[in-house]
């Protein structure tokens, strides 16, 4: 039975998960921040003013920048951006960590092409599971950190390489107003969480151009369809997309004003340059690198993903959002199933 947990990464979501677990009262929880000054400030003020302002942290939540805290932990929860996961895992192993590792990140990992990963793009578990000394998994689903911190009702999905780990992590998360459900489709949960960020950029751009609710609904629906094509190519199960890590997270990210990726799309529709948008955001927008990764995977597996393709061209190739929509509308019609 897990009695100690370390949450790695003091961003909004990492801080919120640490806060949520500490509120249980029966679990020793530590929040690790990479920056010593940030860790000291959070520990002294009992609030993360930068990423979760106005939310008090309980005195029982330990805050540190010492990675040695992971040595005796029963569970490790990574709250870093997806690109930082491999380096974090290496640092954890060096620090003596041997506990199960789950992550909150949503996206793809881009690596040098190998025989095992010929596209050079992988899901996090494909990279981490082969070398980590314990089971690994992911926590995903429709979850704005601010709402979870405020104890508003939320539901999540947990998937892992070991079903027992998924069940135990889900049980730990079930408290207060948060519900958690275990899934046995790790690939499907990760793919849903990664692609929905790309589609949220498209939804934000559509809304910013004033295309209306009908267009947004169509985009969400067709975006779910192309996510399903990639999911099938990577070994996931289609029913996963009907759950929290699929449709649930997609709807939230495409429609919620707290969505960072949707805000990127809105700003692109206003004609703002991407570097300025990301600088002003102050947080990582995982949909930006995920657009390139999704396109790479789609081309490698021969899968059509026109919305992700269009988002990638808007982000990185100078195509305007309006031109992107016009090109999507010119596509030859087929049956809805295709």
C-alpha atoms as a PDB file:
ATOM      1  CA  UNK A   1       0.000   0.000   0.000  1.00  0.00           C
ATOM      2  CA  UNK A   2       1.338   3.440  -0.982  1.00  0.00           C
ATOM      3  CA  UNK A   3       1.898   5.710   2.013  1.00  0.00           C
ATOM      4  CA  UNK A   4       4.317   8.310   0.585  1.00  0.00           C
ATOM      5  CA  UNK A   5       4.225  10.218  -2.685  1.00  0.00           C
ATOM      6  CA  UNK A   6       6.468  12.811  -4.303  1.00  0.00           C
ATOM      7  CA  UNK A   7       5.053  15.121  -6.979  1.00  0.00           C
ATOM      8  CA  UNK A   8       7.811  16.388  -9.257  1.00  0.00           C
ATOM      9  CA  UNK A   9       7.204  19.782 -10.802  1.00  0.00           C
ATOM     10  CA  UNK A  10       5.652  22.782  -9.085  1.00  0.00           C
ATOM     11  CA  UNK A  11       3.624  24.102 -11.985  1.00  0.00           C
ATOM     12  CA  UNK A  12      -0.129  24.569 -11.723  1.00  0.00           C
ATOM     13  CA  UNK A  13      -1.115  20.931 -12.238  1.00  0.00           C
ATOM     14  CA  UNK A  14       1.733  19.423 -10.222  1.00  0.00           C
ATOM     15  CA  UNK A  15       0.994  21.749  -7.311  1.00  0.00           C
ATOM     16  CA  UNK A  16      -2.713  20.954  -7.525  1.00  0.00           C
ATOM     17  CA  UNK A  17      -2.213  17.184  -7.488  1.00  0.00           C
ATOM     18  CA  UNK A  18       0.155  17.490  -4.528  1.00  0.00           C
ATOM     19  CA  UNK A  19      -2.392  19.691  -2.752  1.00  0.00           C
ATOM     20  CA  UNK A  20      -5.210  17.258  -3.506  1.00  0.00           C
ATOM     21  CA  UNK A  21      -3.275  14.259  -2.197  1.00  0.00           C
ATOM     22  CA  UNK A  22      -2.123  16.137   0.914  1.00  0.00           C
ATOM     23  CA  UNK A  23      -5.731  16.967   1.748  1.00  0.00           C
ATOM     24  CA  UNK A  24      -6.424  13.259   2.228  1.00  0.00           C
ATOM     25  CA  UNK A  25      -4.560  13.315   5.538  1.00  0.00           C
ATOM     26  CA  UNK A  26      -3.432   9.681   5.328  1.00  0.00           C
ATOM     27  CA  UNK A  27      -0.597  10.130   2.830  1.00  0.00           C
ATOM     28  CA  UNK A  28       2.812  11.789   3.282  1.00  0.00           C
ATOM     29  CA  UNK A  29       3.164  14.089   0.255  1.00  0.00           C
ATOM     30  CA  UNK A  30       6.151  16.106  -0.949  1.00  0.00           C
ATOM     31  CA  UNK A  31       6.135  18.672  -3.760  1.00  0.00           C
ATOM     32  CA  UNK A  32       9.485  18.969  -5.530  1.00  0.00           C
ATOM     33  CA  UNK A  33      10.396  22.158  -7.393  1.00  0.00           C
ATOM     34  CA  UNK A  34      13.482  22.273  -9.583  1.00  0.00           C
ATOM     35  CA  UNK A  35      14.217  25.886  -8.621  1.00  0.00           C
ATOM     36  CA  UNK A  36      15.466  26.308  -5.038  1.00  0.00           C
ATOM     37  CA  UNK A  37      14.172  29.867  -4.751  1.00  0.00           C
ATOM     38  CA  UNK A  38      10.708  28.811  -5.919  1.00  0.00           C
ATOM     39  CA  UNK A  39      10.620  25.922  -3.458  1.00  0.00           C
ATOM     40  CA  UNK A  40      11.645  28.212  -0.587  1.00  0.00           C
ATOM     41  CA  UNK A  41       9.037  30.806  -1.546  1.00  0.00           C
ATOM     42  CA  UNK A  42       6.249  28.224  -1.740  1.00  0.00           C
ATOM     43  CA  UNK A  43       7.279  26.642   1.569  1.00  0.00           C
ATOM     44  CA  UNK A  44       7.380  30.006   3.333  1.00  0.00           C
ATOM     45  CA  UNK A  45       4.172  31.504   1.916  1.00  0.00           C
ATOM     46  CA  UNK A  46       2.236  28.195   1.737  1.00  0.00           C
ATOM     47  CA  UNK A  47       1.007  29.252  -1.708  1.00  0.00           C
ATOM     48  CA  UNK A  48       2.350  28.935  -5.255  1.00  0.00           C
ATOM     49  CA  UNK A  49       1.833  32.536  -6.305  1.00  0.00           C
ATOM     50  CA  UNK A  50       3.185  32.057  -9.811  1.00  0.00           C
ATOM     51  CA  UNK A  51       1.142  29.064 -10.916  1.00  0.00           C
ATOM     52  CA  UNK A  52      -1.717  28.669  -8.421  1.00  0.00           C
ATOM     53  CA  UNK A  53      -2.265  32.060  -6.777  1.00  0.00           C
ATOM     54  CA  UNK A  54      -4.746  32.404  -3.957  1.00  0.00           C
ATOM     55  CA  UNK A  55      -4.848  28.691  -3.096  1.00  0.00           C
ATOM     56  CA  UNK A  56      -3.470  27.865   0.357  1.00  0.00           C
ATOM     57  CA  UNK A  57      -1.319  24.763   0.696  1.00  0.00           C
ATOM     58  CA  UNK A  58      -1.757  22.651   3.840  1.00  0.00           C
ATOM     59  CA  UNK A  59       1.077  22.591   6.367  1.00  0.00           C
ATOM     60  CA  UNK A  60       1.295  18.834   5.903  1.00  0.00           C
ATOM     61  CA  UNK A  61       2.521  19.262   2.312  1.00  0.00           C
ATOM     62  CA  UNK A  62       6.313  19.279   2.309  1.00  0.00           C
ATOM     63  CA  UNK A  63       8.033  21.421  -0.330  1.00  0.00           C
ATOM     64  CA  UNK A  64      11.631  20.903  -1.390  1.00  0.00           C
ATOM     65  CA  UNK A  65      14.148  21.312  -4.192  1.00  0.00           C
ATOM     66  CA  UNK A  66      16.199  18.344  -2.953  1.00  0.00           C
ATOM     67  CA  UNK A  67      15.748  15.424  -5.327  1.00  0.00           C
ATOM     68  CA  UNK A  68      16.939  13.128  -2.569  1.00  0.00           C
ATOM     69  CA  UNK A  69      13.352  13.207  -1.292  1.00  0.00           C
ATOM     70  CA  UNK A  70      12.435  10.584  -3.892  1.00  0.00           C
ATOM     71  CA  UNK A  71      14.664   7.830  -2.458  1.00  0.00           C
ATOM     72  CA  UNK A  72      12.075   6.397  -0.057  1.00  0.00           C
ATOM     73  CA  UNK A  73       8.891   7.380  -1.884  1.00  0.00           C
ATOM     74  CA  UNK A  74       6.190   4.816  -2.621  1.00  0.00           C
ATOM     75  CA  UNK A  75       4.891   6.700  -5.659  1.00  0.00           C
ATOM     76  CA  UNK A  76       6.415   9.286  -8.008  1.00  0.00           C
ATOM     77  CA  UNK A  77       4.157  11.645  -9.948  1.00  0.00           C
ATOM     78  CA  UNK A  78       5.821  13.717 -12.665  1.00  0.00           C
ATOM     79  CA  UNK A  79       4.198  17.062 -13.362  1.00  0.00           C
ATOM     80  CA  UNK A  80       6.820  18.401 -15.768  1.00  0.00           C
ATOM     81  CA  UNK A  81       6.235  19.172 -19.458  1.00  0.00           C
ATOM     82  CA  UNK A  82       6.343  16.038 -21.593  1.00  0.00           C
ATOM     83  CA  UNK A  83       9.691  16.908 -23.197  1.00  0.00           C
ATOM     84  CA  UNK A  84      11.366  16.965 -19.770  1.00  0.00           C
ATOM     85  CA  UNK A  85      10.261  13.450 -18.796  1.00  0.00           C
ATOM     86  CA  UNK A  86      13.270  11.447 -20.056  1.00  0.00           C
ATOM     87  CA  UNK A  87      15.776  13.758 -18.342  1.00  0.00           C
ATOM     88  CA  UNK A  88      13.696  13.735 -15.165  1.00  0.00           C
ATOM     89  CA  UNK A  89      13.537   9.931 -15.173  1.00  0.00           C
ATOM     90  CA  UNK A  90      17.315   9.776 -15.556  1.00  0.00           C
ATOM     91  CA  UNK A  91      17.775  12.185 -12.649  1.00  0.00           C
ATOM     92  CA  UNK A  92      15.344  10.204 -10.504  1.00  0.00           C
ATOM     93  CA  UNK A  93      17.173   6.960 -11.167  1.00  0.00           C
ATOM     94  CA  UNK A  94      20.468   8.610 -10.261  1.00  0.00           C
ATOM     95  CA  UNK A  95      18.888   9.838  -7.021  1.00  0.00           C
ATOM     96  CA  UNK A  96      17.953   6.283  -6.063  1.00  0.00           C
ATOM     97  CA  UNK A  97      14.267   6.276  -7.030  1.00  0.00           C
ATOM     98  CA  UNK A  98      12.764   2.816  -7.549  1.00  0.00           C
ATOM     99  CA  UNK A  99       9.051   3.503  -7.011  1.00  0.00           C
ATOM    100  CA  UNK A 100       6.320   3.352  -9.656  1.00  0.00           C
ATOM    101  CA  UNK A 101       6.318   6.464 -11.848  1.00  0.00           C
ATOM    102  CA  UNK A 102       3.212   8.109 -13.306  1.00  0.00           C
ATOM    103  CA  UNK A 103       3.010  11.385 -15.169  1.00  0.00           C
ATOM    104  CA  UNK A 104       0.516  14.181 -15.674  1.00  0.00           C
ATOM    105  CA  UNK A 105       2.048  15.344 -18.963  1.00  0.00           C
ATOM    106  CA  UNK A 106       0.175  15.134 -22.269  1.00  0.00           C
ATOM    107  CA  UNK A 107       2.033  14.984 -25.540  1.00  0.00           C
ATOM    108  CA  UNK A 108       4.571  13.067 -27.595  1.00  0.00           C
ATOM    109  CA  UNK A 109       8.282  12.558 -27.105  1.00  0.00           C
ATOM    110  CA  UNK A 110      10.516  13.389 -30.060  1.00  0.00           C
ATOM    111  CA  UNK A 111      13.706  11.332 -30.178  1.00  0.00           C
ATOM    112  CA  UNK A 112      16.331  10.324 -32.719  1.00  0.00           C
ATOM    113  CA  UNK A 113      14.843   7.608 -34.977  1.00  0.00           C
ATOM    114  CA  UNK A 114      15.737   4.076 -33.915  1.00  0.00           C
ATOM    115  CA  UNK A 115      14.756   0.616 -35.058  1.00  0.00           C
ATOM    116  CA  UNK A 116      12.243   0.426 -32.202  1.00  0.00           C
ATOM    117  CA  UNK A 117      10.865   3.940 -32.871  1.00  0.00           C
ATOM    118  CA  UNK A 118      11.396   4.467 -36.600  1.00  0.00           C
ATOM    119  CA  UNK A 119       9.320   7.659 -36.769  1.00  0.00           C
ATOM    120  CA  UNK A 120      11.420   9.367 -34.104  1.00  0.00           C
ATOM    121  CA  UNK A 121       8.197  10.131 -32.207  1.00  0.00           C
ATOM    122  CA  UNK A 122       6.905   8.059 -29.306  1.00  0.00           C
ATOM    123  CA  UNK A 123       4.440   7.905 -26.469  1.00  0.00           C
ATOM    124  CA  UNK A 124       6.020   8.458 -23.069  1.00  0.00           C
ATOM    125  CA  UNK A 125       5.466   4.901 -21.864  1.00  0.00           C
ATOM    126  CA  UNK A 126       7.229   3.503 -24.942  1.00  0.00           C
ATOM    127  CA  UNK A 127      10.366   5.379 -23.902  1.00  0.00           C
ATOM    128  CA  UNK A 128      10.245   5.099 -20.114  1.00  0.00           C
ATOM    129  CA  UNK A 129       8.746   1.668 -19.415  1.00  0.00           C
ATOM    130  CA  UNK A 130      11.610  -0.431 -20.850  1.00  0.00           C
ATOM    131  CA  UNK A 131      14.206   1.025 -18.474  1.00  0.00           C
ATOM    132  CA  UNK A 132      12.256   2.057 -15.381  1.00  0.00           C
ATOM    133  CA  UNK A 133      12.589  -0.468 -12.501  1.00  0.00           C
ATOM    134  CA  UNK A 134       8.875  -0.365 -11.599  1.00  0.00           C
ATOM    135  CA  UNK A 135       5.556   0.008 -13.438  1.00  0.00           C
ATOM    136  CA  UNK A 136       4.787   3.337 -15.107  1.00  0.00           C
ATOM    137  CA  UNK A 137       1.553   5.063 -16.057  1.00  0.00           C
ATOM    138  CA  UNK A 138      -0.331   8.247 -16.823  1.00  0.00           C
ATOM    139  CA  UNK A 139      -3.052  10.348 -15.182  1.00  0.00           C
ATOM    140  CA  UNK A 140      -5.186  12.076 -17.797  1.00  0.00           C
ATOM    141  CA  UNK A 141      -8.630  13.478 -18.472  1.00  0.00           C
ATOM    142  CA  UNK A 142     -10.542  16.789 -18.461  1.00  0.00           C
ATOM    143  CA  UNK A 143      -8.932  18.697 -15.621  1.00  0.00           C
ATOM    144  CA  UNK A 144      -8.153  22.383 -15.270  1.00  0.00           C
ATOM    145  CA  UNK A 145      -5.845  22.715 -12.267  1.00  0.00           C
ATOM    146  CA  UNK A 146      -7.611  25.761 -10.861  1.00  0.00           C
ATOM    147  CA  UNK A 147     -10.953  23.960 -10.686  1.00  0.00           C
ATOM    148  CA  UNK A 148      -9.496  20.879  -8.975  1.00  0.00           C
ATOM    149  CA  UNK A 149      -7.729  23.121  -6.453  1.00  0.00           C
ATOM    150  CA  UNK A 150     -11.064  24.841  -5.736  1.00  0.00           C
ATOM    151  CA  UNK A 151     -12.674  21.447  -5.105  1.00  0.00           C
ATOM    152  CA  UNK A 152     -14.956  21.600  -8.145  1.00  0.00           C
ATOM    153  CA  UNK A 153     -16.151  18.192  -9.421  1.00  0.00           C
ATOM    154  CA  UNK A 154     -13.629  16.507 -11.727  1.00  0.00           C
ATOM    155  CA  UNK A 155     -13.137  13.022 -13.178  1.00  0.00           C
ATOM    156  CA  UNK A 156      -9.861  11.514 -14.401  1.00  0.00           C
ATOM    157  CA  UNK A 157      -8.555   8.348 -16.038  1.00  0.00           C
ATOM    158  CA  UNK A 158      -5.492   6.402 -14.892  1.00  0.00           C
ATOM    159  CA  UNK A 159      -3.682   3.869 -17.072  1.00  0.00           C
ATOM    160  CA  UNK A 160      -0.472   1.964 -16.388  1.00  0.00           C
ATOM    161  CA  UNK A 161       1.742  -0.862 -17.571  1.00  0.00           C
ATOM    162  CA  UNK A 162       0.497  -2.807 -14.533  1.00  0.00           C
ATOM    163  CA  UNK A 163      -3.273  -2.855 -13.884  1.00  0.00           C
ATOM    164  CA  UNK A 164      -2.606  -3.024 -10.144  1.00  0.00           C
ATOM    165  CA  UNK A 165      -0.775   0.318 -10.282  1.00  0.00           C
ATOM    166  CA  UNK A 166      -3.615   1.942 -12.229  1.00  0.00           C
ATOM    167  CA  UNK A 167      -6.098   0.711  -9.627  1.00  0.00           C
ATOM    168  CA  UNK A 168      -3.999   1.896  -6.693  1.00  0.00           C
ATOM    169  CA  UNK A 169      -3.321   5.356  -8.141  1.00  0.00           C
ATOM    170  CA  UNK A 170      -6.995   5.775  -9.030  1.00  0.00           C
ATOM    171  CA  UNK A 171      -7.910   4.848  -5.452  1.00  0.00           C
ATOM    172  CA  UNK A 172      -5.455   7.432  -4.084  1.00  0.00           C
ATOM    173  CA  UNK A 173      -6.922  10.144  -6.295  1.00  0.00           C
ATOM    174  CA  UNK A 174     -10.526   9.401  -5.333  1.00  0.00           C
ATOM    175  CA  UNK A 175     -11.206  11.906  -2.596  1.00  0.00           C
ATOM    176  CA  UNK A 176     -13.158  15.070  -2.009  1.00  0.00           C
ATOM    177  CA  UNK A 177     -14.846  16.018  -5.318  1.00  0.00           C
ATOM    178  CA  UNK A 178     -12.417  14.164  -7.582  1.00  0.00           C
ATOM    179  CA  UNK A 179     -13.290  10.822  -9.155  1.00  0.00           C
ATOM    180  CA  UNK A 180     -10.718   8.621 -10.865  1.00  0.00           C
ATOM    181  CA  UNK A 181     -11.288   5.605 -13.107  1.00  0.00           C
ATOM    182  CA  UNK A 182      -8.720   3.013 -14.124  1.00  0.00           C
ATOM    183  CA  UNK A 183      -8.116   2.162 -17.765  1.00  0.00           C
ATOM    184  CA  UNK A 184      -6.220  -0.736 -19.321  1.00  0.00           C
ATOM    185  CA  UNK A 185      -5.487   1.156 -22.564  1.00  0.00           C
ATOM    186  CA  UNK A 186      -2.303   3.082 -21.837  1.00  0.00           C
ATOM    187  CA  UNK A 187      -1.612   3.902 -25.493  1.00  0.00           C
ATOM    188  CA  UNK A 188      -5.162   5.141 -26.037  1.00  0.00           C
ATOM    189  CA  UNK A 189      -5.118   7.365 -22.962  1.00  0.00           C
ATOM    190  CA  UNK A 190      -1.806   8.925 -23.981  1.00  0.00           C
ATOM    191  CA  UNK A 191      -2.842   9.497 -27.601  1.00  0.00           C
ATOM    192  CA  UNK A 192      -6.116  11.142 -26.587  1.00  0.00           C
ATOM    193  CA  UNK A 193      -4.294  13.489 -24.237  1.00  0.00           C
ATOM    194  CA  UNK A 194      -1.676  14.411 -26.822  1.00  0.00           C
ATOM    195  CA  UNK A 195      -3.804  15.069 -29.894  1.00  0.00           C
ATOM    196  CA  UNK A 196      -6.548  16.991 -28.120  1.00  0.00           C
ATOM    197  CA  UNK A 197      -4.082  19.830 -27.501  1.00  0.00           C
ATOM    198  CA  UNK A 198      -3.501  20.209 -31.237  1.00  0.00           C
ATOM    199  CA  UNK A 199      -7.238  20.232 -31.887  1.00  0.00           C
ATOM    200  CA  UNK A 200      -7.728  22.857 -29.175  1.00  0.00           C
ATOM    201  CA  UNK A 201      -5.449  25.207 -31.106  1.00  0.00           C
ATOM    202  CA  UNK A 202      -7.662  24.666 -34.142  1.00  0.00           C
ATOM    203  CA  UNK A 203     -10.817  25.283 -32.088  1.00  0.00           C
ATOM    204  CA  UNK A 204      -9.392  28.497 -30.657  1.00  0.00           C
ATOM    205  CA  UNK A 205      -8.467  29.733 -34.121  1.00  0.00           C
ATOM    206  CA  UNK A 206     -11.942  28.885 -35.438  1.00  0.00           C
ATOM    207  CA  UNK A 207     -13.615  30.752 -32.594  1.00  0.00           C
ATOM    208  CA  UNK A 208     -11.223  33.671 -32.971  1.00  0.00           C
ATOM    209  CA  UNK A 209     -12.161  33.979 -36.639  1.00  0.00           C
ATOM    210  CA  UNK A 210     -15.843  34.064 -35.680  1.00  0.00           C
ATOM    211  CA  UNK A 211     -16.806  30.841 -37.433  1.00  0.00           C
ATOM    212  CA  UNK A 212     -19.364  30.022 -34.754  1.00  0.00           C
ATOM    213  CA  UNK A 213     -20.548  27.109 -32.661  1.00  0.00           C
ATOM    214  CA  UNK A 214     -21.449  24.873 -35.610  1.00  0.00           C
ATOM    215  CA  UNK A 215     -17.895  25.016 -36.912  1.00  0.00           C
ATOM    216  CA  UNK A 216     -16.452  24.277 -33.473  1.00  0.00           C
ATOM    217  CA  UNK A 217     -18.738  21.258 -33.033  1.00  0.00           C
ATOM    218  CA  UNK A 218     -17.757  19.938 -36.457  1.00  0.00           C
ATOM    219  CA  UNK A 219     -14.085  20.459 -35.702  1.00  0.00           C
ATOM    220  CA  UNK A 220     -14.316  18.576 -32.406  1.00  0.00           C
ATOM    221  CA  UNK A 221     -16.168  15.699 -34.057  1.00  0.00           C
ATOM    222  CA  UNK A 222     -13.888  15.379 -37.068  1.00  0.00           C
ATOM    223  CA  UNK A 223     -10.867  15.884 -34.817  1.00  0.00           C
ATOM    224  CA  UNK A 224     -11.989  12.944 -32.719  1.00  0.00           C
ATOM    225  CA  UNK A 225     -12.276  10.879 -35.896  1.00  0.00           C
ATOM    226  CA  UNK A 226      -8.714  11.596 -36.998  1.00  0.00           C
ATOM    227  CA  UNK A 227      -7.444  10.939 -33.475  1.00  0.00           C
ATOM    228  CA  UNK A 228      -9.130   7.548 -33.737  1.00  0.00           C
ATOM    229  CA  UNK A 229      -7.262   6.754 -36.940  1.00  0.00           C
ATOM    230  CA  UNK A 230      -3.913   7.458 -35.284  1.00  0.00           C
ATOM    231  CA  UNK A 231      -4.961   5.572 -32.161  1.00  0.00           C
ATOM    232  CA  UNK A 232      -5.782   2.474 -34.228  1.00  0.00           C
ATOM    233  CA  UNK A 233      -2.408   2.671 -35.978  1.00  0.00           C
ATOM    234  CA  UNK A 234      -0.597   2.812 -32.626  1.00  0.00           C
ATOM    235  CA  UNK A 235      -2.495  -0.046 -31.008  1.00  0.00           C
ATOM    236  CA  UNK A 236      -5.021   1.826 -28.888  1.00  0.00           C
ATOM    237  CA  UNK A 237      -8.689   0.896 -28.583  1.00  0.00           C
ATOM    238  CA  UNK A 238     -11.411   3.074 -30.144  1.00  0.00           C
ATOM    239  CA  UNK A 239     -13.656   2.944 -27.062  1.00  0.00           C
ATOM    240  CA  UNK A 240     -11.014   4.856 -25.096  1.00  0.00           C
ATOM    241  CA  UNK A 241     -11.783   7.927 -27.192  1.00  0.00           C
ATOM    242  CA  UNK A 242     -15.353   7.854 -25.892  1.00  0.00           C
ATOM    243  CA  UNK A 243     -14.070   8.244 -22.342  1.00  0.00           C
ATOM    244  CA  UNK A 244     -12.495  10.871 -20.132  1.00  0.00           C
ATOM    245  CA  UNK A 245      -9.067  10.833 -21.789  1.00  0.00           C
ATOM    246  CA  UNK A 246     -10.657  11.116 -25.227  1.00  0.00           C
ATOM    247  CA  UNK A 247     -13.905  12.979 -25.766  1.00  0.00           C
ATOM    248  CA  UNK A 248     -13.995  14.381 -22.238  1.00  0.00           C
ATOM    249  CA  UNK A 249     -10.590  16.039 -22.424  1.00  0.00           C
ATOM    250  CA  UNK A 250     -11.124  17.120 -26.035  1.00  0.00           C
ATOM    251  CA  UNK A 251     -14.374  18.954 -25.285  1.00  0.00           C
ATOM    252  CA  UNK A 252     -12.900  20.696 -22.253  1.00  0.00           C
ATOM    253  CA  UNK A 253      -9.735  21.825 -24.004  1.00  0.00           C
ATOM    254  CA  UNK A 254     -11.541  23.012 -27.127  1.00  0.00           C
ATOM    255  CA  UNK A 255     -14.198  25.013 -25.275  1.00  0.00           C
ATOM    256  CA  UNK A 256     -12.812  26.049 -21.878  1.00  0.00           C
ATOM    257  CA  UNK A 257     -11.368  29.525 -21.500  1.00  0.00           C
ATOM    258  CA  UNK A 258      -8.671  28.195 -19.141  1.00  0.00           C
ATOM    259  CA  UNK A 259      -7.212  26.087 -21.966  1.00  0.00           C
ATOM    260  CA  UNK A 260      -3.720  27.289 -22.882  1.00  0.00           C
ATOM    261  CA  UNK A 261      -3.826  25.634 -26.293  1.00  0.00           C
ATOM    262  CA  UNK A 262      -7.192  27.183 -27.117  1.00  0.00           C
ATOM    263  CA  UNK A 263      -5.707  30.569 -26.163  1.00  0.00           C
ATOM    264  CA  UNK A 264      -2.880  29.975 -28.619  1.00  0.00           C
ATOM    265  CA  UNK A 265      -5.449  29.460 -31.365  1.00  0.00           C
ATOM    266  CA  UNK A 266      -7.373  32.589 -30.405  1.00  0.00           C
ATOM    267  CA  UNK A 267      -4.174  34.633 -30.546  1.00  0.00           C
ATOM    268  CA  UNK A 268      -3.190  33.154 -33.914  1.00  0.00           C
ATOM    269  CA  UNK A 269      -6.586  34.226 -35.270  1.00  0.00           C
ATOM    270  CA  UNK A 270      -5.767  37.780 -34.165  1.00  0.00           C
ATOM    271  CA  UNK A 271      -2.611  37.645 -36.258  1.00  0.00           C
ATOM    272  CA  UNK A 272      -0.158  37.507 -33.372  1.00  0.00           C
ATOM    273  CA  UNK A 273       3.189  35.780 -34.051  1.00  0.00           C
ATOM    274  CA  UNK A 274       3.740  32.447 -32.347  1.00  0.00           C
ATOM    275  CA  UNK A 275       6.896  33.430 -30.367  1.00  0.00           C
ATOM    276  CA  UNK A 276       5.053  36.394 -28.822  1.00  0.00           C
ATOM    277  CA  UNK A 277       2.013  34.228 -28.043  1.00  0.00           C
ATOM    278  CA  UNK A 278       4.096  31.651 -26.204  1.00  0.00           C
ATOM    279  CA  UNK A 279       6.079  34.310 -24.324  1.00  0.00           C
ATOM    280  CA  UNK A 280       2.893  36.006 -23.180  1.00  0.00           C
ATOM    281  CA  UNK A 281       1.310  32.694 -22.186  1.00  0.00           C
ATOM    282  CA  UNK A 282       3.913  32.035 -19.490  1.00  0.00           C
ATOM    283  CA  UNK A 283       3.093  28.303 -19.535  1.00  0.00           C
ATOM    284  CA  UNK A 284       3.912  25.439 -21.866  1.00  0.00           C
ATOM    285  CA  UNK A 285       1.365  24.921 -24.652  1.00  0.00           C
ATOM    286  CA  UNK A 286       1.891  21.231 -25.430  1.00  0.00           C
ATOM    287  CA  UNK A 287      -0.193  21.427 -28.601  1.00  0.00           C
ATOM    288  CA  UNK A 288       2.557  23.353 -30.404  1.00  0.00           C
ATOM    289  CA  UNK A 289       5.205  20.583 -30.458  1.00  0.00           C
ATOM    290  CA  UNK A 290       2.468  17.922 -30.535  1.00  0.00           C
ATOM    291  CA  UNK A 291       1.238  19.219 -33.895  1.00  0.00           C
ATOM    292  CA  UNK A 292       4.567  18.412 -35.535  1.00  0.00           C
ATOM    293  CA  UNK A 293       4.800  15.070 -33.750  1.00  0.00           C
ATOM    294  CA  UNK A 294       1.263  14.061 -34.732  1.00  0.00           C
ATOM    295  CA  UNK A 295       1.939  14.929 -38.361  1.00  0.00           C
ATOM    296  CA  UNK A 296       5.155  12.891 -38.306  1.00  0.00           C
ATOM    297  CA  UNK A 297       3.356   9.867 -36.881  1.00  0.00           C
ATOM    298  CA  UNK A 298       0.435  10.242 -39.283  1.00  0.00           C
ATOM    299  CA  UNK A 299       2.713  10.332 -42.302  1.00  0.00           C
ATOM    300  CA  UNK A 300       4.777   7.415 -41.022  1.00  0.00           C
ATOM    301  CA  UNK A 301       1.696   5.224 -40.525  1.00  0.00           C
ATOM    302  CA  UNK A 302      -0.165   6.445 -43.613  1.00  0.00           C
ATOM    303  CA  UNK A 303      -2.967   8.000 -41.565  1.00  0.00           C
ATOM    304  CA  UNK A 304      -4.952  11.046 -42.690  1.00  0.00           C
ATOM    305  CA  UNK A 305      -5.070  13.809 -40.053  1.00  0.00           C
ATOM    306  CA  UNK A 306      -6.057  16.940 -42.006  1.00  0.00           C
ATOM    307  CA  UNK A 307      -6.836  19.139 -38.996  1.00  0.00           C
ATOM    308  CA  UNK A 308      -3.530  18.367 -37.292  1.00  0.00           C
ATOM    309  CA  UNK A 309      -1.771  18.892 -40.627  1.00  0.00           C
ATOM    310  CA  UNK A 310      -3.403  22.301 -40.989  1.00  0.00           C
ATOM    311  CA  UNK A 311      -2.511  23.324 -37.428  1.00  0.00           C
ATOM    312  CA  UNK A 312       1.095  22.327 -38.021  1.00  0.00           C
ATOM    313  CA  UNK A 313       1.260  24.461 -41.168  1.00  0.00           C
ATOM    314  CA  UNK A 314      -0.258  27.453 -39.365  1.00  0.00           C
ATOM    315  CA  UNK A 315       2.190  27.123 -36.484  1.00  0.00           C
ATOM    316  CA  UNK A 316       5.347  26.436 -38.427  1.00  0.00           C
ATOM    317  CA  UNK A 317       4.912  27.145 -42.138  1.00  0.00           C
ATOM    318  CA  UNK A 318       3.235  30.543 -42.365  1.00  0.00           C
ATOM    319  CA  UNK A 319      -0.245  29.396 -43.399  1.00  0.00           C
ATOM    320  CA  UNK A 320      -2.881  31.778 -42.042  1.00  0.00           C
ATOM    321  CA  UNK A 321      -5.695  30.353 -39.906  1.00  0.00           C
ATOM    322  CA  UNK A 322      -8.268  31.555 -42.435  1.00  0.00           C
ATOM    323  CA  UNK A 323      -6.441  29.883 -45.318  1.00  0.00           C
ATOM    324  CA  UNK A 324      -6.225  26.694 -43.276  1.00  0.00           C
ATOM    325  CA  UNK A 325      -9.994  26.604 -42.785  1.00  0.00           C
ATOM    326  CA  UNK A 326     -10.602  27.339 -46.455  1.00  0.00           C
ATOM    327  CA  UNK A 327      -8.339  24.456 -47.462  1.00  0.00           C
ATOM    328  CA  UNK A 328     -10.138  22.100 -45.072  1.00  0.00           C
ATOM    329  CA  UNK A 329     -13.490  23.099 -46.570  1.00  0.00           C
ATOM    330  CA  UNK A 330     -12.223  22.341 -50.078  1.00  0.00           C
ATOM    331  CA  UNK A 331     -11.424  18.727 -49.240  1.00  0.00           C
ATOM    332  CA  UNK A 332     -13.338  16.180 -51.283  1.00  0.00           C
ATOM    333  CA  UNK A 333     -16.427  14.980 -49.362  1.00  0.00           C
ATOM    334  CA  UNK A 334     -16.642  11.327 -48.348  1.00  0.00           C
ATOM    335  CA  UNK A 335     -18.950   9.267 -46.231  1.00  0.00           C
ATOM    336  CA  UNK A 336     -18.852  10.361 -42.573  1.00  0.00           C
ATOM    337  CA  UNK A 337     -17.374   7.017 -41.560  1.00  0.00           C
ATOM    338  CA  UNK A 338     -14.242   7.889 -43.551  1.00  0.00           C
END
